[in-house]
Amino acid sequence: MRSIVISDIHAKTLTAELVNLAAEKHKADNILILGDVTNFGPMSVAVDYISLLKRKVYAIPGNCDPRNFPQMISKVATDMHGRTATIDGIKIAGLGGSNPTIFDTPFEISEAEIFSSLDAICENVTILMVHAPAFGHLDKIPSGMMVGSESTKAIVDKYRPLVVLSGHVHEERGMKESNGTLFLNPGAAKEGFAALLVVENGKATAELLML
């Protein structure tokens, strides 16, 4: 499975063609979107953006997307919010939105709901798609504070997926491996960043890309 991973588009719709070029260049099978397609709506921006993409799309909402993102996005993509999918025998689970922030953004979820939602779908998962990162993993903001989800961290510790994909914290673009899990933040697509994820024969590799 070869996937282009993007996050944090924030309504920069001109990036769609660049994502298509990256998908073609890297022979991607699909595109995984980790949320914040819009910048506080409207949903038509997300629908129109995904309609421009030329690969099958699996998407979750970000905290800056409207609450009706999961229902509306199903018109043009596979909605992964609180859901699973299997691609080439690889099970993927997704949960969008974020743990609570100081900004009271539209799609925030309590830690209790994050845990219960993920706990219901994460057994035997290879790839976990979340918008907000697990606490302690690619979640440090410029002040040095870590703002990731404690519940997502608990789920990762419990189920140990092969890959955890997250966005949300633009400054933490990068990848790291911890206890057999590859953590990947592709960076903000609005700034020209993406990533290539390859999962084959039970192994995962990734490459950070410039669009």
C-alpha atoms as a PDB file:
ATOM      1  CA  MET A   1       0.000   0.000   0.000  1.00  0.00           C
ATOM      2  CA  ARG A   2       1.371   3.375  -1.065  1.00  0.00           C
ATOM      3  CA  SER A   3      -0.335   6.481   0.291  1.00  0.00           C
ATOM      4  CA  ILE A   4       0.136  10.207   0.006  1.00  0.00           C
ATOM      5  CA  VAL A   5      -0.581  11.647   3.464  1.00  0.00           C
ATOM      6  CA  ILE A   6      -1.705  15.251   3.875  1.00  0.00           C
ATOM      7  CA  SER A   7      -3.108  17.364   6.673  1.00  0.00           C
ATOM      8  CA  ASP A   8      -3.947  20.953   7.536  1.00  0.00           C
ATOM      9  CA  ILE A   9      -4.901  22.260   4.119  1.00  0.00           C
ATOM     10  CA  HIS A  10      -6.824  25.129   5.730  1.00  0.00           C
ATOM     11  CA  ALA A  11      -8.725  25.942   2.527  1.00  0.00           C
ATOM     12  CA  LYS A  12      -5.603  26.334   0.360  1.00  0.00           C
ATOM     13  CA  THR A  13      -7.359  24.635  -2.543  1.00  0.00           C
ATOM     14  CA  LEU A  14      -4.565  25.253  -5.037  1.00  0.00           C
ATOM     15  CA  THR A  15      -2.600  22.499  -3.288  1.00  0.00           C
ATOM     16  CA  ALA A  16      -4.914  19.846  -4.769  1.00  0.00           C
ATOM     17  CA  GLU A  17      -3.112  19.746  -8.101  1.00  0.00           C
ATOM     18  CA  LEU A  18       0.243  19.483  -6.323  1.00  0.00           C
ATOM     19  CA  VAL A  19      -1.090  16.533  -4.320  1.00  0.00           C
ATOM     20  CA  ASN A  20      -2.197  14.898  -7.581  1.00  0.00           C
ATOM     21  CA  LEU A  21       1.283  15.366  -9.038  1.00  0.00           C
ATOM     22  CA  ALA A  22       2.843  13.806  -5.928  1.00  0.00           C
ATOM     23  CA  ALA A  23       0.446  10.859  -6.124  1.00  0.00           C
ATOM     24  CA  GLU A  24       1.376  10.303  -9.757  1.00  0.00           C
ATOM     25  CA  LYS A  25       5.112  10.662  -9.161  1.00  0.00           C
ATOM     26  CA  HIS A  26       5.169   8.259  -6.221  1.00  0.00           C
ATOM     27  CA  LYS A  27       2.639   5.820  -7.716  1.00  0.00           C
ATOM     28  CA  ALA A  28       0.303   6.204  -4.737  1.00  0.00           C
ATOM     29  CA  ASP A  29      -2.751   3.985  -4.420  1.00  0.00           C
ATOM     30  CA  ASN A  30      -4.684   6.469  -2.308  1.00  0.00           C
ATOM     31  CA  ILE A  31      -4.623   9.735  -0.387  1.00  0.00           C
ATOM     32  CA  LEU A  32      -5.046   9.893   3.381  1.00  0.00           C
ATOM     33  CA  ILE A  33      -6.289  13.238   4.738  1.00  0.00           C
ATOM     34  CA  LEU A  34      -5.794  13.955   8.443  1.00  0.00           C
ATOM     35  CA  GLY A  35      -8.145  16.908   8.814  1.00  0.00           C
ATOM     36  CA  ASP A  36      -8.421  20.692   8.726  1.00  0.00           C
ATOM     37  CA  VAL A  37      -9.364  20.680   5.075  1.00  0.00           C
ATOM     38  CA  THR A  38     -11.321  23.877   5.737  1.00  0.00           C
ATOM     39  CA  ASN A  39     -10.503  26.894   7.850  1.00  0.00           C
ATOM     40  CA  PHE A  40     -13.645  26.906  10.027  1.00  0.00           C
ATOM     41  CA  GLY A  41     -15.838  25.913   7.091  1.00  0.00           C
ATOM     42  CA  PRO A  42     -17.801  25.963   4.945  1.00  0.00           C
ATOM     43  CA  MET A  43     -18.074  22.287   4.091  1.00  0.00           C
ATOM     44  CA  SER A  44     -18.319  23.098   0.399  1.00  0.00           C
ATOM     45  CA  VAL A  45     -14.594  23.911   0.518  1.00  0.00           C
ATOM     46  CA  ALA A  46     -13.768  20.389   1.677  1.00  0.00           C
ATOM     47  CA  VAL A  47     -16.113  18.706  -0.783  1.00  0.00           C
ATOM     48  CA  ASP A  48     -14.790  20.758  -3.694  1.00  0.00           C
ATOM     49  CA  TYR A  49     -11.162  20.175  -2.668  1.00  0.00           C
ATOM     50  CA  ILE A  50     -11.474  16.413  -2.387  1.00  0.00           C
ATOM     51  CA  SER A  51     -13.391  16.301  -5.665  1.00  0.00           C
ATOM     52  CA  LEU A  52     -10.219  17.564  -7.356  1.00  0.00           C
ATOM     53  CA  LEU A  53      -8.084  14.691  -6.081  1.00  0.00           C
ATOM     54  CA  LYS A  54      -7.419  11.857  -8.521  1.00  0.00           C
ATOM     55  CA  ARG A  55      -6.925   8.969  -6.106  1.00  0.00           C
ATOM     56  CA  LYS A  56      -9.292   7.283  -3.693  1.00  0.00           C
ATOM     57  CA  VAL A  57      -9.452   9.426  -0.558  1.00  0.00           C
ATOM     58  CA  TYR A  58      -9.819   8.407   3.093  1.00  0.00           C
ATOM     59  CA  ALA A  59     -10.465  11.405   5.335  1.00  0.00           C
ATOM     60  CA  ILE A  60     -11.047  12.527   8.900  1.00  0.00           C
ATOM     61  CA  PRO A  61     -12.015  16.011  10.146  1.00  0.00           C
ATOM     62  CA  GLY A  62      -9.707  18.360  11.994  1.00  0.00           C
ATOM     63  CA  ASN A  63     -10.619  20.602  14.875  1.00  0.00           C
ATOM     64  CA  CYS A  64     -11.074  23.523  12.444  1.00  0.00           C
ATOM     65  CA  ASP A  65     -13.578  21.629  10.282  1.00  0.00           C
ATOM     66  CA  PRO A  66     -17.360  21.816  10.764  1.00  0.00           C
ATOM     67  CA  ARG A  67     -19.154  19.199  12.839  1.00  0.00           C
ATOM     68  CA  ASN A  68     -21.008  17.868   9.801  1.00  0.00           C
ATOM     69  CA  PHE A  69     -17.721  16.984   8.063  1.00  0.00           C
ATOM     70  CA  PRO A  70     -18.184  13.182   8.404  1.00  0.00           C
ATOM     71  CA  GLN A  71     -21.664  13.209   6.868  1.00  0.00           C
ATOM     72  CA  MET A  72     -20.865  15.623   4.055  1.00  0.00           C
ATOM     73  CA  ILE A  73     -17.467  14.241   3.117  1.00  0.00           C
ATOM     74  CA  SER A  74     -18.912  10.805   2.408  1.00  0.00           C
ATOM     75  CA  LYS A  75     -20.121  12.218  -0.910  1.00  0.00           C
ATOM     76  CA  VAL A  76     -16.559  12.357  -2.245  1.00  0.00           C
ATOM     77  CA  ALA A  77     -14.379  10.258   0.082  1.00  0.00           C
ATOM     78  CA  THR A  78     -14.406   7.393   2.555  1.00  0.00           C
ATOM     79  CA  ASP A  79     -15.319   8.884   5.924  1.00  0.00           C
ATOM     80  CA  MET A  80     -12.917   7.515   8.540  1.00  0.00           C
ATOM     81  CA  HIS A  81     -14.158   9.399  11.613  1.00  0.00           C
ATOM     82  CA  GLY A  82     -14.756   6.703  14.218  1.00  0.00           C
ATOM     83  CA  ARG A  83     -14.561   4.070  11.510  1.00  0.00           C
ATOM     84  CA  THR A  84     -12.296   1.435  10.026  1.00  0.00           C
ATOM     85  CA  ALA A  85     -11.431   0.357   6.508  1.00  0.00           C
ATOM     86  CA  THR A  86      -9.326  -2.415   5.042  1.00  0.00           C
ATOM     87  CA  ILE A  87      -7.015  -1.705   2.114  1.00  0.00           C
ATOM     88  CA  ASP A  88      -5.049  -4.581   0.608  1.00  0.00           C
ATOM     89  CA  GLY A  89      -5.493  -6.504   3.849  1.00  0.00           C
ATOM     90  CA  ILE A  90      -4.300  -3.557   5.963  1.00  0.00           C
ATOM     91  CA  LYS A  91      -6.758  -2.384   8.620  1.00  0.00           C
ATOM     92  CA  ILE A  92      -6.969   1.369   9.136  1.00  0.00           C
ATOM     93  CA  ALA A  93      -8.860   3.157  11.916  1.00  0.00           C
ATOM     94  CA  GLY A  94      -9.568   6.859  12.119  1.00  0.00           C
ATOM     95  CA  LEU A  95     -10.753   9.529  14.513  1.00  0.00           C
ATOM     96  CA  GLY A  96     -10.849  13.206  13.686  1.00  0.00           C
ATOM     97  CA  GLY A  97     -11.222  16.350  15.717  1.00  0.00           C
ATOM     98  CA  SER A  98      -8.933  17.102  18.628  1.00  0.00           C
ATOM     99  CA  ASN A  99      -8.705  16.921  22.371  1.00  0.00           C
ATOM    100  CA  PRO A 100      -9.857  20.195  24.026  1.00  0.00           C
ATOM    101  CA  THR A 101      -7.840  23.322  23.251  1.00  0.00           C
ATOM    102  CA  ILE A 102      -7.800  26.846  24.692  1.00  0.00           C
ATOM    103  CA  PHE A 103      -9.290  28.122  21.419  1.00  0.00           C
ATOM    104  CA  ASP A 104     -12.701  26.381  21.594  1.00  0.00           C
ATOM    105  CA  THR A 105     -12.528  25.268  17.964  1.00  0.00           C
ATOM    106  CA  PRO A 106     -15.517  23.602  16.261  1.00  0.00           C
ATOM    107  CA  PHE A 107     -14.490  19.938  16.357  1.00  0.00           C
ATOM    108  CA  GLU A 108     -13.093  19.281  19.822  1.00  0.00           C
ATOM    109  CA  ILE A 109     -13.771  16.023  21.689  1.00  0.00           C
ATOM    110  CA  SER A 110     -13.380  15.116  25.346  1.00  0.00           C
ATOM    111  CA  GLU A 111     -10.567  12.777  26.299  1.00  0.00           C
ATOM    112  CA  ALA A 112     -13.161  10.274  27.533  1.00  0.00           C
ATOM    113  CA  GLU A 113     -14.866  10.235  24.138  1.00  0.00           C
ATOM    114  CA  ILE A 114     -11.549   9.916  22.330  1.00  0.00           C
ATOM    115  CA  PHE A 115     -10.657   6.858  24.379  1.00  0.00           C
ATOM    116  CA  SER A 116     -14.020   5.136  24.060  1.00  0.00           C
ATOM    117  CA  SER A 117     -14.272   5.842  20.328  1.00  0.00           C
ATOM    118  CA  LEU A 118     -10.783   4.541  19.578  1.00  0.00           C
ATOM    119  CA  ASP A 119     -11.030   1.601  21.964  1.00  0.00           C
ATOM    120  CA  ALA A 120     -14.056   0.379  20.019  1.00  0.00           C
ATOM    121  CA  ILE A 121     -12.212   0.210  16.685  1.00  0.00           C
ATOM    122  CA  CYS A 122      -8.474  -0.240  17.257  1.00  0.00           C
ATOM    123  CA  GLU A 123      -8.089  -3.985  17.733  1.00  0.00           C
ATOM    124  CA  ASN A 124      -5.764  -5.441  15.083  1.00  0.00           C
ATOM    125  CA  VAL A 125      -5.275  -2.025  13.478  1.00  0.00           C
ATOM    126  CA  THR A 126      -2.157  -1.465  11.372  1.00  0.00           C
ATOM    127  CA  ILE A 127      -2.597   2.261  10.687  1.00  0.00           C
ATOM    128  CA  LEU A 128      -4.228   4.785  13.013  1.00  0.00           C
ATOM    129  CA  MET A 129      -5.300   8.104  11.469  1.00  0.00           C
ATOM    130  CA  VAL A 130      -5.899  10.921  13.958  1.00  0.00           C
ATOM    131  CA  HIS A 131      -5.866  14.674  13.611  1.00  0.00           C
ATOM    132  CA  ALA A 132      -4.397  15.521  16.997  1.00  0.00           C
ATOM    133  CA  PRO A 133      -1.277  13.549  17.958  1.00  0.00           C
ATOM    134  CA  ALA A 134      -0.800  11.204  20.871  1.00  0.00           C
ATOM    135  CA  PHE A 135       0.643  12.953  23.903  1.00  0.00           C
ATOM    136  CA  GLY A 136       4.434  13.013  23.763  1.00  0.00           C
ATOM    137  CA  HIS A 137       4.644  12.147  20.075  1.00  0.00           C
ATOM    138  CA  LEU A 138       5.088  15.030  17.603  1.00  0.00           C
ATOM    139  CA  ASP A 139       2.901  17.273  19.757  1.00  0.00           C
ATOM    140  CA  LYS A 140       5.181  20.070  20.982  1.00  0.00           C
ATOM    141  CA  ILE A 141       4.118  23.658  20.278  1.00  0.00           C
ATOM    142  CA  PRO A 142       6.653  26.549  20.124  1.00  0.00           C
ATOM    143  CA  SER A 143       6.315  27.255  23.852  1.00  0.00           C
ATOM    144  CA  GLY A 144       7.610  23.749  24.527  1.00  0.00           C
ATOM    145  CA  MET A 145       4.269  22.522  25.839  1.00  0.00           C
ATOM    146  CA  MET A 146       3.051  19.105  24.643  1.00  0.00           C
ATOM    147  CA  VAL A 147      -0.587  19.315  23.562  1.00  0.00           C
ATOM    148  CA  GLY A 148      -1.327  15.795  22.314  1.00  0.00           C
ATOM    149  CA  SER A 149      -4.118  13.557  23.531  1.00  0.00           C
ATOM    150  CA  GLU A 150      -3.496  11.433  26.606  1.00  0.00           C
ATOM    151  CA  SER A 151      -6.296   9.104  25.496  1.00  0.00           C
ATOM    152  CA  THR A 152      -4.755   8.556  22.069  1.00  0.00           C
ATOM    153  CA  LYS A 153      -1.453   7.774  23.765  1.00  0.00           C
ATOM    154  CA  ALA A 154      -3.213   5.228  25.989  1.00  0.00           C
ATOM    155  CA  ILE A 155      -4.790   3.598  22.930  1.00  0.00           C
ATOM    156  CA  VAL A 156      -1.442   3.443  21.130  1.00  0.00           C
ATOM    157  CA  ASP A 157       0.162   1.882  24.195  1.00  0.00           C
ATOM    158  CA  LYS A 158      -2.662  -0.665  24.413  1.00  0.00           C
ATOM    159  CA  TYR A 159      -2.942  -1.720  20.763  1.00  0.00           C
ATOM    160  CA  ARG A 160       0.476  -0.774  19.343  1.00  0.00           C
ATOM    161  CA  PRO A 161      -0.452  -0.044  15.724  1.00  0.00           C
ATOM    162  CA  LEU A 162       2.343  -0.184  13.196  1.00  0.00           C
ATOM    163  CA  VAL A 163       1.755   3.435  12.149  1.00  0.00           C
ATOM    164  CA  VAL A 164       0.161   6.484  13.769  1.00  0.00           C
ATOM    165  CA  LEU A 165      -0.577   9.406  11.448  1.00  0.00           C
ATOM    166  CA  SER A 166      -1.355  12.849  12.862  1.00  0.00           C
ATOM    167  CA  GLY A 167      -1.330  16.531  11.928  1.00  0.00           C
ATOM    168  CA  HIS A 168      -2.672  19.478  13.957  1.00  0.00           C
ATOM    169  CA  VAL A 169       0.701  20.681  15.331  1.00  0.00           C
ATOM    170  CA  HIS A 170       2.177  22.328  12.239  1.00  0.00           C
ATOM    171  CA  GLU A 171       5.575  22.850  13.845  1.00  0.00           C
ATOM    172  CA  GLU A 172       6.071  19.125  14.514  1.00  0.00           C
ATOM    173  CA  ARG A 173       6.392  17.945  10.934  1.00  0.00           C
ATOM    174  CA  GLY A 174       8.495  14.804  11.036  1.00  0.00           C
ATOM    175  CA  MET A 175       8.607  11.149  11.962  1.00  0.00           C
ATOM    176  CA  LYS A 176       9.866   9.020  14.834  1.00  0.00           C
ATOM    177  CA  GLU A 177       9.727   5.399  15.892  1.00  0.00           C
ATOM    178  CA  SER A 178       8.829   4.339  19.415  1.00  0.00           C
ATOM    179  CA  ASN A 179       8.235   0.806  20.686  1.00  0.00           C
ATOM    180  CA  GLY A 180       7.730  -0.526  17.186  1.00  0.00           C
ATOM    181  CA  THR A 181       5.286   2.208  16.093  1.00  0.00           C
ATOM    182  CA  LEU A 182       6.100   4.744  13.385  1.00  0.00           C
ATOM    183  CA  PHE A 183       4.684   8.183  14.202  1.00  0.00           C
ATOM    184  CA  LEU A 184       4.319  10.509  11.221  1.00  0.00           C
ATOM    185  CA  ASN A 185       3.224  14.135  10.876  1.00  0.00           C
ATOM    186  CA  PRO A 186       3.332  15.121   7.187  1.00  0.00           C
ATOM    187  CA  GLY A 187       3.293  18.839   7.984  1.00  0.00           C
ATOM    188  CA  ALA A 188       0.761  21.395   6.832  1.00  0.00           C
ATOM    189  CA  ALA A 189      -0.260  21.011   3.199  1.00  0.00           C
ATOM    190  CA  LYS A 190      -1.056  24.733   3.145  1.00  0.00           C
ATOM    191  CA  GLU A 191       2.703  25.256   3.556  1.00  0.00           C
ATOM    192  CA  GLY A 192       3.533  22.804   0.765  1.00  0.00           C
ATOM    193  CA  PHE A 193       4.190  19.701   2.857  1.00  0.00           C
ATOM    194  CA  ALA A 194       3.056  16.079   2.535  1.00  0.00           C
ATOM    195  CA  ALA A 195       4.405  12.575   3.081  1.00  0.00           C
ATOM    196  CA  LEU A 196       4.571   9.223   1.374  1.00  0.00           C
ATOM    197  CA  LEU A 197       3.689   6.190   3.484  1.00  0.00           C
ATOM    198  CA  VAL A 198       4.483   2.689   2.258  1.00  0.00           C
ATOM    199  CA  VAL A 199       3.274  -0.404   4.117  1.00  0.00           C
ATOM    200  CA  GLU A 200       4.432  -3.726   2.688  1.00  0.00           C
ATOM    201  CA  ASN A 201       5.026  -7.151   4.186  1.00  0.00           C
ATOM    202  CA  GLY A 202       4.309  -5.970   7.702  1.00  0.00           C
ATOM    203  CA  LYS A 203       6.803  -3.088   7.531  1.00  0.00           C
ATOM    204  CA  ALA A 204       6.213   0.651   7.257  1.00  0.00           C
ATOM    205  CA  THR A 205       8.453   3.294   5.748  1.00  0.00           C
ATOM    206  CA  ALA A 206       7.800   6.980   5.181  1.00  0.00           C
ATOM    207  CA  GLU A 207       9.277   9.923   3.315  1.00  0.00           C
ATOM    208  CA  LEU A 208       8.579  13.605   3.931  1.00  0.00           C
ATOM    209  CA  LEU A 209       7.690  15.410   0.713  1.00  0.00           C
ATOM    210  CA  MET A 210       7.583  18.958  -0.620  1.00  0.00           C
ATOM    211  CA  LEU A 211       4.583  19.506  -2.858  1.00  0.00           C
END
